[in-house]
Amino acid sequence: MMMRNKWIMMIAVAVLVMVFMPLGSVQAAPEKVIKIKMVGTLPIGHHLTTALIKYKEYVEQKSNGRVVVELYPAQQLYNDKDLVTVLP
């Protein structure tokens, strides 16, 4: 009786290992890269524009490349008046 229980237990463990083995080998889908556009209206040498550049570098570093910041300083994308109308 003890020998039979031991064999049943070994077979049950082997079946469980075979059932759950494929789950460990499934590769995770690559994470989607998030793109953020930042607009600045001040000149390149302005201290707030420098802060935007530092913020861009900080976010990209801390996110390990999952977040990409596209920076448009010095009214490259919109001027002051147009920027207010395009914001949600």
Protein backbone atom coordinates (compact mmCIF):
# COMPACT_ATOMS: atom_id res chain seq x y z
CA MET A 1 0.00 0.00 0.00
CA MET A 2 2.83 2.43 0.86
CA MET A 3 4.62 1.64 -2.38
CA ARG A 4 1.44 2.27 -4.36
CA ASN A 5 0.87 5.67 -2.69
CA LYS A 6 4.46 6.63 -3.39
CA TRP A 7 4.07 5.81 -7.10
CA ILE A 8 0.79 7.72 -7.33
CA MET A 9 2.42 10.73 -5.68
CA MET A 10 5.41 10.60 -8.05
CA ILE A 11 3.12 10.36 -11.08
CA ALA A 12 1.01 13.28 -9.81
CA VAL A 13 4.12 15.44 -9.34
CA ALA A 14 5.39 14.50 -12.81
CA VAL A 15 2.04 15.41 -14.37
CA LEU A 16 1.98 18.75 -12.56
CA VAL A 17 5.52 19.53 -13.73
CA MET A 18 4.59 18.72 -17.32
CA VAL A 19 1.42 20.83 -17.12
CA PHE A 20 3.11 23.92 -15.70
CA MET A 21 6.41 23.64 -17.59
CA PRO A 22 5.22 25.58 -20.69
CA LEU A 23 4.07 28.48 -18.53
CA GLY A 24 7.61 29.23 -17.42
CA SER A 25 8.95 29.39 -20.95
CA VAL A 26 6.43 31.88 -22.32
CA GLN A 27 8.17 35.11 -23.20
CA ALA A 28 6.58 38.35 -22.17
CA ALA A 29 5.45 40.65 -24.94
CA PRO A 30 7.76 43.63 -25.41
CA GLU A 31 6.49 46.70 -23.66
CA LYS A 32 5.10 49.47 -25.77
CA VAL A 33 7.18 52.64 -25.94
CA ILE A 34 5.34 55.73 -24.73
CA LYS A 35 6.05 58.94 -26.64
CA ILE A 36 5.46 62.33 -25.05
CA LYS A 37 5.75 65.66 -26.84
CA MET A 38 6.87 68.63 -24.75
CA VAL A 39 6.63 72.14 -26.12
CA GLY A 40 8.57 75.14 -24.88
CA THR A 41 8.07 78.73 -25.93
CA LEU A 42 11.11 80.27 -24.29
CA PRO A 43 14.54 80.67 -25.96
CA ILE A 44 17.10 77.85 -25.88
CA GLY A 45 19.36 79.55 -23.32
CA HIS A 46 16.54 80.29 -20.86
CA HIS A 47 16.74 78.52 -17.51
CA LEU A 48 13.24 77.01 -17.87
CA THR A 49 14.18 75.53 -21.24
CA THR A 50 17.28 74.04 -19.60
CA ALA A 51 14.97 72.55 -16.96
CA LEU A 52 12.83 70.98 -19.71
CA ILE A 53 15.93 69.38 -21.22
CA LYS A 54 17.00 68.01 -17.82
CA TYR A 55 13.46 66.71 -17.21
CA LYS A 56 13.49 64.94 -20.60
CA GLU A 57 16.79 63.24 -19.77
CA TYR A 58 15.56 62.28 -16.28
CA VAL A 59 12.32 60.71 -17.53
CA GLU A 60 14.04 58.72 -20.27
CA GLN A 61 16.71 57.48 -17.86
CA LYS A 62 14.32 56.47 -15.07
CA SER A 63 11.94 54.71 -17.47
CA ASN A 64 14.79 52.67 -19.02
CA GLY A 65 13.79 53.83 -22.48
CA ARG A 66 10.11 52.92 -22.15
CA VAL A 67 9.20 56.63 -22.26
CA VAL A 68 10.60 58.78 -25.07
CA VAL A 69 10.22 62.54 -24.75
CA GLU A 70 10.21 64.62 -27.91
CA LEU A 71 11.18 68.15 -26.91
CA TYR A 72 10.35 71.17 -29.06
CA PRO A 73 11.86 74.24 -27.35
CA ALA A 74 11.87 77.87 -28.53
CA GLN A 75 8.50 77.78 -30.32
CA GLN A 76 9.63 75.10 -32.78
CA LEU A 77 6.22 73.43 -32.78
CA TYR A 78 3.80 76.18 -31.68
CA ASN A 79 4.06 79.82 -30.72
CA ASP A 80 2.48 81.25 -27.56
CA LYS A 81 -0.93 81.98 -29.11
CA ASP A 82 -1.27 78.68 -30.97
CA LEU A 83 -0.14 76.59 -28.01
CA VAL A 84 -3.14 77.63 -25.94
CA THR A 85 -5.58 76.57 -28.66
CA VAL A 86 -4.10 73.10 -29.26
CA LEU A 87 -3.96 72.02 -25.62
CA PRO A 88 -6.86 69.75 -24.59
